Amino acid sequence: MNIIRYTDDAFTDELRRFDRRAEASDSVRDVVACVINDIRENGDTALIELTQKFDGATLTPETLLVPEAEVESAWNNLEPRIREALEASHRNVAAFAHQSLRKDWHMTNAQGAEVGEVFHPFERVGLYVPGGTAPLVSTSLMTVAIAAAAGVPEIVVCTPCGKDGSVNPNLLAALKLAGATEIYRVGGSQAIAAMAFGTATIKPVVKIFGPGNSYVVEAKRQCFGVVSIDLLPGPSEVMVLADKSANPAFIAADLLAQAEHGKDSGVAFITDDEALLNAVLNEIETQGAKLSRQAMIRSVLEKECVLILVSNMEEGVEIVNHYAPEHLSLVTEREHEILPLIRTAGAIFLGNYSPVAVGDFLAGPSHTLPTGGAGKSFPGLTVDMFQRRTSIVRLSKEAIAKSEPIVRIFSEIEGLDAHGDSASVRLS
């Protein structure tokens, strides 16, 4: 773990590393470009060959789609306690999504024209659910259930399979509960390309959602414009900003929970209390020794973990806003002062008793959040991202009479006389 002070020269280097964390390497960009080109030119054939190459699974065009019978079997054979957990999470996610749906509205403007907006769900969307080192059952609920709440009729899911071609049955059950209409056992950048460009088996979608590794994120970046993209959520991140009122055991637990994602996950702790920092270090060692994913946790703690000692909480806020963490845990006795200052976090967990894991699995808002600093300009996944907005304008004869003089002036300024005539002709 890298421990630095806000005033250290090393802190400037750390900020530069923060700023570069979302950049894909040249090798990742090149691999993804080749994969996308292969899928565009060779469709299912490329998809099957790439799945064999990257995942070691032997598939055919007929076995790409997970059959309904397999999905039903997964649901019917769920352990009761797992079903109850999935249903509890699903209820919260669906309720949160329904509450935040955009609704049609209209008003009358100053000239008497009726204006407004109507919202329709996208017809066909693609959702990527990571597999890899863990079947992210929660991600299926935090993405697919939101699409279903928006009323999307065709919800396509791609998720990696094992070497034997199987998909985790708990994941299949969660996808069924959430409302997936098609499930394909393919992952990686090839899955993103297949959903974007289409193959003989997988029809193209109009928008792609979901988190993934650096290859998946880069594929979404390169496919942007061919399809719409939600955001670019990559390796997971947590940042804790805390003062002496925080419980060190709770902080260590949150940091370790994030570290067990492995690979490029980011873990950061900022405090103005050196005693708290030392107590958290001790807790990390004590708690970490009992966890099952030792290799992944140790790798993240050694390479991607930074602990920063600041002079005051305002300095900590400055770092938070620069970093724009996916998850921020804020524990301070000055919450009413500090919280309004934080502008870039994807999600904020307040107080000693709000673990990030509850947001990952249960609370209601989607855990698909901006990473790599994208929180400065992107929000997390919300239900309105599954809705297409259309504006509506209706003018009466009286409204066009009041509008025409202003339209005429604009048409003269911009040298577009036909625009002005199109309004004036209605008064002739």
Protein backbone atom coordinates (compact mmCIF):
# COMPACT_ATOMS: atom_id res chain seq x y z
CA MET A 1 0.00 0.00 0.00
CA ASN A 2 1.19 3.44 -0.92
CA ILE A 3 0.90 5.96 1.94
CA ILE A 4 1.47 9.60 1.02
CA ARG A 5 0.80 13.01 2.50
CA TYR A 6 -1.06 15.74 0.66
CA THR A 7 2.08 17.88 0.83
CA ASP A 8 4.48 15.22 -0.52
CA ASP A 9 6.05 15.53 -3.96
CA ALA A 10 4.74 12.00 -4.53
CA PHE A 11 1.19 13.33 -4.31
CA THR A 12 1.56 15.14 -7.65
CA ASP A 13 2.68 11.89 -9.27
CA GLU A 14 -0.32 10.13 -7.75
CA LEU A 15 -2.67 12.72 -9.26
CA ARG A 16 -1.14 12.09 -12.67
CA ARG A 17 -1.74 8.36 -12.19
CA PHE A 18 -5.36 9.11 -11.28
CA ASP A 19 -5.78 11.04 -14.52
CA ARG A 20 -4.38 8.21 -16.66
CA ARG A 21 -6.33 5.37 -15.09
CA ALA A 22 -9.10 5.32 -17.73
CA GLU A 23 -6.74 5.23 -20.70
CA ALA A 24 -6.62 2.00 -22.66
CA SER A 25 -3.17 0.76 -23.61
CA ASP A 26 -2.14 0.57 -27.24
CA SER A 27 -2.26 -3.21 -27.06
CA VAL A 28 -5.85 -3.20 -25.74
CA ARG A 29 -6.95 -0.76 -28.44
CA ASP A 30 -5.32 -2.83 -31.17
CA VAL A 31 -6.78 -6.13 -29.95
CA VAL A 32 -10.26 -4.65 -29.72
CA ALA A 33 -10.04 -3.07 -33.17
CA CYS A 34 -9.11 -6.45 -34.65
CA VAL A 35 -11.95 -8.18 -32.81
CA ILE A 36 -14.52 -5.64 -34.00
CA ASN A 37 -13.32 -5.90 -37.59
CA ASP A 38 -13.44 -9.70 -37.40
CA ILE A 39 -17.02 -9.66 -36.11
CA ARG A 40 -18.11 -7.17 -38.79
CA GLU A 41 -16.66 -9.28 -41.57
CA ASN A 42 -17.27 -12.81 -40.32
CA GLY A 43 -20.20 -12.63 -37.89
CA ASP A 44 -21.02 -15.87 -36.08
CA THR A 45 -17.88 -17.60 -37.35
CA ALA A 46 -15.68 -14.95 -35.74
CA LEU A 47 -17.79 -14.94 -32.59
CA ILE A 48 -17.34 -18.69 -32.14
CA GLU A 49 -13.61 -18.63 -32.93
CA LEU A 50 -12.99 -15.73 -30.55
CA THR A 51 -14.96 -17.41 -27.77
CA GLN A 52 -12.81 -20.49 -28.22
CA LYS A 53 -9.65 -18.37 -28.20
CA PHE A 54 -10.42 -16.18 -25.19
CA ASP A 55 -12.74 -18.35 -23.06
CA GLY A 56 -11.80 -21.88 -24.16
CA ALA A 57 -15.44 -22.75 -24.94
CA THR A 58 -16.53 -24.60 -28.05
CA LEU A 59 -19.83 -23.22 -29.33
CA THR A 60 -21.89 -23.37 -32.51
CA PRO A 61 -24.39 -20.88 -33.94
CA GLU A 62 -27.13 -23.06 -32.46
CA THR A 63 -25.69 -22.98 -28.93
CA LEU A 64 -24.95 -19.25 -28.71
CA LEU A 65 -28.45 -18.56 -27.42
CA VAL A 66 -29.25 -19.96 -23.99
CA PRO A 67 -32.52 -21.89 -24.52
CA GLU A 68 -35.60 -20.98 -22.51
CA ALA A 69 -35.70 -24.45 -20.96
CA GLU A 70 -32.24 -23.92 -19.44
CA VAL A 71 -33.31 -20.57 -18.03
CA GLU A 72 -36.52 -22.02 -16.59
CA SER A 73 -34.61 -24.88 -15.01
CA ALA A 74 -32.21 -22.45 -13.36
CA TRP A 75 -35.13 -20.52 -11.87
CA ASN A 76 -37.05 -23.58 -10.74
CA ASN A 77 -34.01 -25.09 -9.01
CA LEU A 78 -32.98 -21.98 -7.08
CA GLU A 79 -32.37 -22.39 -3.39
CA PRO A 80 -35.21 -20.64 -1.53
CA ARG A 81 -32.83 -18.32 0.33
CA ILE A 82 -31.18 -17.24 -2.94
CA ARG A 83 -34.57 -16.65 -4.56
CA GLU A 84 -35.61 -14.49 -1.60
CA ALA A 85 -32.41 -12.45 -1.87
CA LEU A 86 -32.83 -11.95 -5.62
CA GLU A 87 -36.45 -10.94 -5.21
CA ALA A 88 -35.63 -8.48 -2.42
CA SER A 89 -33.00 -6.79 -4.57
CA HIS A 90 -35.27 -6.82 -7.63
CA ARG A 91 -38.10 -5.12 -5.73
CA ASN A 92 -35.83 -2.29 -4.61
CA VAL A 93 -34.22 -1.78 -8.02
CA ALA A 94 -37.55 -1.85 -9.87
CA ALA A 95 -39.20 0.52 -7.38
CA PHE A 96 -36.32 3.00 -7.64
CA ALA A 97 -36.45 2.83 -11.45
CA HIS A 98 -40.22 3.32 -11.64
CA GLN A 99 -39.94 6.30 -9.32
CA SER A 100 -37.41 8.01 -11.60
CA LEU A 101 -39.01 7.29 -14.98
CA ARG A 102 -39.34 10.37 -17.17
CA LYS A 103 -43.01 11.18 -17.80
CA ASP A 104 -44.71 12.95 -20.70
CA TRP A 105 -45.52 16.60 -20.07
CA HIS A 106 -46.75 19.71 -21.87
CA MET A 107 -47.08 23.46 -21.32
CA THR A 108 -48.09 26.59 -23.22
CA ASN A 109 -45.33 29.03 -24.13
CA ALA A 110 -45.53 32.83 -24.16
CA GLN A 111 -46.91 32.93 -27.73
CA GLY A 112 -49.59 30.34 -27.01
CA ALA A 113 -47.90 27.32 -28.62
CA GLU A 114 -48.33 23.96 -26.94
CA VAL A 115 -44.91 22.40 -26.31
CA GLY A 116 -43.81 19.33 -24.42
CA GLU A 117 -41.98 16.03 -24.39
CA VAL A 118 -42.99 12.42 -24.84
CA PHE A 119 -40.88 9.45 -23.83
CA HIS A 120 -40.73 5.99 -25.37
CA PRO A 121 -38.56 3.02 -24.43
CA PHE A 122 -35.92 1.87 -26.88
CA GLU A 123 -37.13 -1.10 -28.90
CA ARG A 124 -34.04 -3.30 -28.51
CA VAL A 125 -31.13 -2.85 -26.12
CA GLY A 126 -28.02 -4.89 -25.35
CA LEU A 127 -26.74 -5.44 -21.83
CA TYR A 128 -23.34 -6.82 -20.94
CA VAL A 129 -23.15 -8.78 -17.69
CA PRO A 130 -19.57 -9.68 -16.69
CA GLY A 131 -18.65 -13.21 -15.70
CA GLY A 132 -14.91 -13.66 -15.46
CA THR A 133 -13.75 -14.25 -11.90
CA ALA A 134 -17.27 -14.06 -10.43
CA PRO A 135 -20.81 -14.38 -11.81
CA LEU A 136 -22.13 -10.87 -11.24
CA VAL A 137 -25.71 -11.82 -10.46
CA SER A 138 -26.31 -8.37 -9.01
CA THR A 139 -25.37 -6.69 -12.29
CA SER A 140 -28.21 -8.48 -14.07
CA LEU A 141 -30.66 -6.88 -11.65
CA MET A 142 -28.96 -3.50 -11.70
CA THR A 143 -29.20 -3.29 -15.52
CA VAL A 144 -31.85 -5.63 -16.93
CA ALA A 145 -34.49 -4.82 -14.30
CA ILE A 146 -34.08 -1.12 -15.10
CA ALA A 147 -34.57 -1.76 -18.82
CA ALA A 148 -37.70 -3.76 -18.00
CA ALA A 149 -39.00 -0.95 -15.77
CA ALA A 150 -38.60 1.42 -18.71
CA GLY A 151 -40.74 -0.90 -20.85
CA VAL A 152 -38.05 -2.04 -23.31
CA PRO A 153 -39.60 -4.96 -25.24
CA GLU A 154 -36.37 -6.64 -26.39
CA ILE A 155 -33.65 -6.94 -23.73
CA VAL A 156 -30.59 -8.78 -25.06
CA VAL A 157 -27.97 -10.00 -22.61
CA CYS A 158 -24.46 -11.21 -23.38
CA THR A 159 -22.46 -12.87 -20.61
CA PRO A 160 -19.32 -15.04 -20.72
CA CYS A 161 -19.63 -18.80 -20.40
CA GLY A 162 -17.32 -21.33 -18.80
CA LYS A 163 -15.02 -23.62 -20.76
CA ASP A 164 -17.83 -26.16 -20.89
CA GLY A 165 -20.18 -23.55 -22.38
CA SER A 166 -22.27 -23.27 -19.24
CA VAL A 167 -23.61 -20.07 -17.67
CA ASN A 168 -23.93 -19.88 -13.90
CA PRO A 169 -27.50 -20.98 -13.05
CA ASN A 170 -27.92 -18.30 -10.36
CA LEU A 171 -27.07 -15.70 -12.99
CA LEU A 172 -29.58 -17.21 -15.43
CA ALA A 173 -32.26 -17.17 -12.74
CA ALA A 174 -31.54 -13.52 -11.94
CA LEU A 175 -31.72 -12.62 -15.62
CA LYS A 176 -35.10 -14.29 -15.92
CA LEU A 177 -36.40 -12.48 -12.84
CA ALA A 178 -35.07 -9.16 -14.15
CA GLY A 179 -36.76 -9.53 -17.54
CA ALA A 180 -34.12 -10.55 -20.11
CA THR A 181 -35.70 -11.68 -23.38
CA GLU A 182 -32.56 -13.15 -25.02
CA ILE A 183 -29.42 -14.46 -23.32
CA TYR A 184 -26.24 -15.29 -25.26
CA ARG A 185 -23.28 -17.16 -23.78
CA VAL A 186 -20.60 -14.85 -25.21
CA GLY A 187 -18.44 -12.26 -23.49
CA GLY A 188 -15.59 -9.85 -24.02
CA SER A 189 -15.17 -7.26 -26.73
CA GLN A 190 -16.58 -9.74 -29.26
CA ALA A 191 -19.94 -9.64 -27.46
CA ILE A 192 -20.03 -5.85 -27.66
CA ALA A 193 -19.21 -5.95 -31.36
CA ALA A 194 -21.86 -8.62 -32.01
CA MET A 195 -24.55 -6.51 -30.32
CA ALA A 196 -23.41 -3.38 -32.15
CA PHE A 197 -23.07 -4.75 -35.69
CA GLY A 198 -25.16 -7.89 -35.50
CA THR A 199 -24.47 -11.41 -36.72
CA ALA A 200 -26.68 -14.06 -38.27
CA THR A 201 -27.68 -15.16 -34.76
CA ILE A 202 -27.59 -11.93 -32.74
CA LYS A 203 -29.61 -9.08 -34.21
CA PRO A 204 -28.06 -5.63 -33.64
CA VAL A 205 -29.31 -3.44 -30.82
CA VAL A 206 -29.74 0.33 -30.71
CA LYS A 207 -27.98 0.95 -27.38
CA ILE A 208 -25.49 -0.99 -25.25
CA PHE A 209 -25.28 -0.91 -21.46
CA GLY A 210 -23.24 -2.51 -18.73
CA PRO A 211 -19.81 -2.66 -17.08
CA GLY A 212 -16.82 -4.75 -18.09
CA ASN A 213 -13.06 -5.11 -18.15
CA SER A 214 -10.71 -2.88 -20.13
CA TYR A 215 -11.41 -4.76 -23.38
CA VAL A 216 -15.17 -4.46 -22.99
CA VAL A 217 -14.92 -0.75 -22.16
CA GLU A 218 -12.65 -0.13 -25.16
CA ALA A 219 -15.06 -2.03 -27.42
CA LYS A 220 -17.90 0.20 -26.25
CA ARG A 221 -15.73 3.23 -26.94
CA GLN A 222 -14.90 2.05 -30.47
CA CYS A 223 -18.53 1.12 -31.24
CA PHE A 224 -19.88 4.48 -30.13
CA GLY A 225 -21.72 6.07 -33.04
CA VAL A 226 -22.65 2.74 -34.57
CA VAL A 227 -24.87 2.29 -31.53
CA SER A 228 -25.63 4.48 -28.56
CA ILE A 229 -23.57 3.75 -25.43
CA ASP A 230 -24.64 4.28 -21.83
CA LEU A 231 -21.29 5.12 -20.22
CA LEU A 232 -17.88 3.51 -19.91
CA PRO A 233 -17.83 1.75 -16.55
CA GLY A 234 -14.54 -0.08 -16.21
CA PRO A 235 -12.57 -1.52 -13.28
CA SER A 236 -14.31 -0.90 -9.97
CA GLU A 237 -13.25 1.87 -7.57
CA VAL A 238 -13.85 2.94 -4.00
CA MET A 239 -12.60 6.01 -2.18
CA VAL A 240 -13.19 6.58 1.53
CA LEU A 241 -13.02 10.07 2.98
CA ALA A 242 -13.21 9.96 6.76
CA ASP A 243 -12.34 11.82 9.93
CA LYS A 244 -11.84 10.66 13.51
CA SER A 245 -15.55 9.81 13.88
CA ALA A 246 -15.12 6.81 11.55
CA ASN A 247 -14.81 3.20 12.63
CA PRO A 248 -11.51 1.81 11.27
CA ALA A 249 -12.86 -1.74 11.05
CA PHE A 250 -15.71 -0.57 8.81
CA ILE A 251 -13.34 1.38 6.54
CA ALA A 252 -10.98 -1.58 6.17
CA ALA A 253 -13.91 -3.85 5.34
CA ASP A 254 -15.06 -1.52 2.53
CA LEU A 255 -11.54 -1.27 1.10
CA LEU A 256 -11.08 -5.04 1.15
CA ALA A 257 -14.49 -5.59 -0.41
CA GLN A 258 -13.49 -3.46 -3.36
CA ALA A 259 -10.03 -5.04 -3.61
CA GLU A 260 -11.51 -8.51 -4.01
CA HIS A 261 -12.73 -7.52 -7.48
CA GLY A 262 -9.06 -7.92 -8.40
CA LYS A 263 -7.16 -6.77 -11.48
CA ASP A 264 -7.25 -2.98 -11.95
CA SER A 265 -9.71 -2.15 -9.17
CA GLY A 266 -8.90 1.13 -7.43
CA VAL A 267 -8.85 1.50 -3.63
CA ALA A 268 -8.17 4.80 -1.87
CA PHE A 269 -8.51 6.11 1.67
CA ILE A 270 -8.21 9.77 2.66
CA THR A 271 -8.19 11.05 6.22
CA ASP A 272 -7.04 13.98 8.28
CA ASP A 273 -6.45 11.72 11.30
CA GLU A 274 -3.16 9.80 11.37
CA ALA A 275 -4.31 7.57 14.21
CA LEU A 276 -7.29 6.49 12.12
CA LEU A 277 -5.03 5.75 9.15
CA ASN A 278 -2.82 3.49 11.28
CA ALA A 279 -5.84 1.74 12.77
CA VAL A 280 -7.23 1.09 9.28
CA LEU A 281 -3.89 -0.41 8.20
CA ASN A 282 -4.00 -2.80 11.14
CA GLU A 283 -7.58 -3.76 10.35
CA ILE A 284 -6.73 -4.44 6.71
CA GLU A 285 -4.07 -6.91 7.80
CA THR A 286 -6.31 -8.59 10.38
CA GLN A 287 -9.44 -8.84 8.23
CA GLY A 288 -7.61 -9.53 4.98
CA ALA A 289 -5.93 -12.64 6.39
CA LYS A 290 -9.33 -14.30 6.76
CA LEU A 291 -10.62 -13.71 3.23
CA SER A 292 -10.79 -16.26 0.41
CA ARG A 293 -9.58 -14.21 -2.58
CA GLN A 294 -6.13 -13.55 -1.14
CA ALA A 295 -4.19 -13.32 -4.38
CA MET A 296 -6.53 -10.77 -5.95
CA ILE A 297 -6.78 -8.70 -2.79
CA ARG A 298 -3.01 -8.60 -2.23
CA SER A 299 -2.39 -7.62 -5.85
CA VAL A 300 -4.79 -4.68 -5.64
CA LEU A 301 -3.47 -3.55 -2.25
CA GLU A 302 0.10 -3.60 -3.54
CA LYS A 303 -0.49 -1.95 -6.91
CA GLU A 304 -3.73 0.02 -6.86
CA CYS A 305 -4.22 1.09 -3.24
CA VAL A 306 -3.30 4.55 -1.99
CA LEU A 307 -3.76 6.05 1.48
CA ILE A 308 -3.55 9.82 1.72
CA LEU A 309 -3.08 11.89 4.87
CA VAL A 310 -4.45 15.42 4.53
CA SER A 311 -4.40 18.41 6.85
CA ASN A 312 -8.16 18.87 6.83
CA MET A 313 -11.30 17.47 5.23
CA GLU A 314 -11.46 20.27 2.66
CA GLU A 315 -8.18 19.03 1.19
CA GLY A 316 -9.75 15.59 1.05
CA VAL A 317 -12.74 16.97 -0.84
CA GLU A 318 -10.40 18.51 -3.39
CA ILE A 319 -8.84 15.09 -4.03
CA VAL A 320 -12.25 13.42 -4.25
CA ASN A 321 -13.49 15.89 -6.84
CA HIS A 322 -10.31 15.44 -8.85
CA TYR A 323 -10.44 11.66 -8.71
CA ALA A 324 -14.22 11.37 -9.31
CA PRO A 325 -14.56 7.95 -7.64
CA GLU A 326 -17.14 5.39 -8.68
CA HIS A 327 -18.05 4.84 -5.01
CA LEU A 328 -17.36 7.31 -2.23
CA SER A 329 -17.79 6.42 1.42
CA LEU A 330 -18.06 9.64 3.42
CA VAL A 331 -17.79 9.38 7.19
CA THR A 332 -17.46 12.68 9.01
CA GLU A 333 -19.02 14.51 11.92
CA ARG A 334 -19.20 17.50 9.55
CA GLU A 335 -21.38 15.74 6.97
CA HIS A 336 -23.76 18.70 6.53
CA GLU A 337 -20.75 20.89 5.56
CA ILE A 338 -18.71 18.39 3.52
CA LEU A 339 -21.40 16.60 1.49
CA PRO A 340 -22.48 19.68 -0.54
CA LEU A 341 -18.85 20.20 -1.61
CA ILE A 342 -18.59 16.80 -3.36
CA ARG A 343 -19.54 17.10 -7.02
CA THR A 344 -18.10 14.18 -9.00
CA ALA A 345 -18.70 10.87 -7.19
CA GLY A 346 -20.80 8.23 -8.93
CA ALA A 347 -22.52 7.23 -5.67
CA ILE A 348 -22.02 8.43 -2.11
CA PHE A 349 -22.46 6.23 0.97
CA LEU A 350 -22.97 8.26 4.12
CA GLY A 351 -21.99 7.42 7.66
CA ASN A 352 -20.50 4.46 9.47
CA TYR A 353 -23.37 2.09 8.70
CA SER A 354 -23.63 2.39 4.90
CA PRO A 355 -21.34 -0.23 3.30
CA VAL A 356 -20.81 0.04 -0.45
CA ALA A 357 -21.84 -3.62 -0.74
CA VAL A 358 -25.44 -2.70 0.09
CA GLY A 359 -25.38 -0.41 -2.94
CA ASP A 360 -23.83 -3.20 -4.99
CA PHE A 361 -26.56 -5.68 -4.18
CA LEU A 362 -29.69 -4.26 -2.64
CA ALA A 363 -30.33 -0.56 -2.01
CA GLY A 364 -32.09 0.35 -5.28
CA PRO A 365 -29.96 2.70 -7.41
CA SER A 366 -27.98 0.91 -10.11
CA HIS A 367 -24.44 -0.07 -9.20
CA THR A 368 -23.40 0.58 -12.81
CA LEU A 369 -21.50 3.81 -12.24
CA PRO A 370 -18.90 5.97 -14.00
CA THR A 371 -15.27 4.99 -13.40
CA GLY A 372 -11.89 6.26 -14.48
CA GLY A 373 -12.79 9.87 -13.70
CA ALA A 374 -15.89 9.86 -15.92
CA GLY A 375 -17.98 10.93 -12.93
CA LYS A 376 -16.92 14.49 -13.73
CA SER A 377 -19.31 14.41 -16.68
CA PHE A 378 -21.32 11.14 -16.57
CA PRO A 379 -23.96 9.97 -14.09
CA GLY A 380 -24.55 6.38 -13.11
CA LEU A 381 -27.02 4.21 -14.99
CA THR A 382 -30.58 5.52 -14.69
CA VAL A 383 -33.89 4.39 -16.12
CA ASP A 384 -34.24 7.42 -18.42
CA MET A 385 -31.19 6.16 -20.35
CA PHE A 386 -33.53 3.47 -21.69
CA GLN A 387 -36.01 6.09 -22.89
CA ARG A 388 -36.01 8.02 -26.15
CA ARG A 389 -37.13 11.63 -25.82
CA THR A 390 -39.20 13.40 -28.48
CA SER A 391 -40.31 17.03 -28.31
CA ILE A 392 -43.82 18.03 -29.38
CA VAL A 393 -44.93 21.43 -30.76
CA ARG A 394 -48.48 22.50 -31.73
CA LEU A 395 -49.49 26.04 -32.74
CA SER A 396 -52.94 27.48 -33.22
CA LYS A 397 -53.66 30.28 -35.71
CA GLU A 398 -53.42 32.76 -32.86
CA ALA A 399 -50.09 31.30 -31.69
CA ILE A 400 -48.51 31.46 -35.15
CA ALA A 401 -49.63 35.09 -35.45
CA LYS A 402 -47.75 35.91 -32.24
CA SER A 403 -44.72 33.82 -33.23
CA GLU A 404 -44.26 34.94 -36.86
CA PRO A 405 -42.65 38.37 -36.22
CA ILE A 406 -39.95 36.78 -34.05
CA VAL A 407 -39.38 33.96 -36.53
CA ARG A 408 -39.06 36.55 -39.32
CA ILE A 409 -36.35 38.43 -37.39
CA PHE A 410 -34.34 35.24 -36.82
CA SER A 411 -34.66 34.28 -40.49
CA GLU A 412 -33.32 37.71 -41.54
CA ILE A 413 -30.37 37.51 -39.11
CA GLU A 414 -29.39 34.05 -40.34
CA GLY A 415 -30.12 34.72 -44.03
CA LEU A 416 -32.73 31.97 -44.22
CA ASP A 417 -35.69 33.71 -45.83
CA ALA A 418 -37.54 30.46 -46.55
CA HIS A 419 -37.71 29.88 -42.80
CA GLY A 420 -39.48 33.20 -42.34
CA ASP A 421 -41.78 32.55 -45.30
CA SER A 422 -42.82 29.20 -43.83
CA ALA A 423 -44.29 31.07 -40.86
CA SER A 424 -45.66 34.06 -42.81
CA VAL A 425 -47.46 31.93 -45.40
CA ARG A 426 -49.73 30.60 -42.68
CA LEU A 427 -51.04 34.13 -42.06
CA SER A 428 -51.69 34.99 -45.72
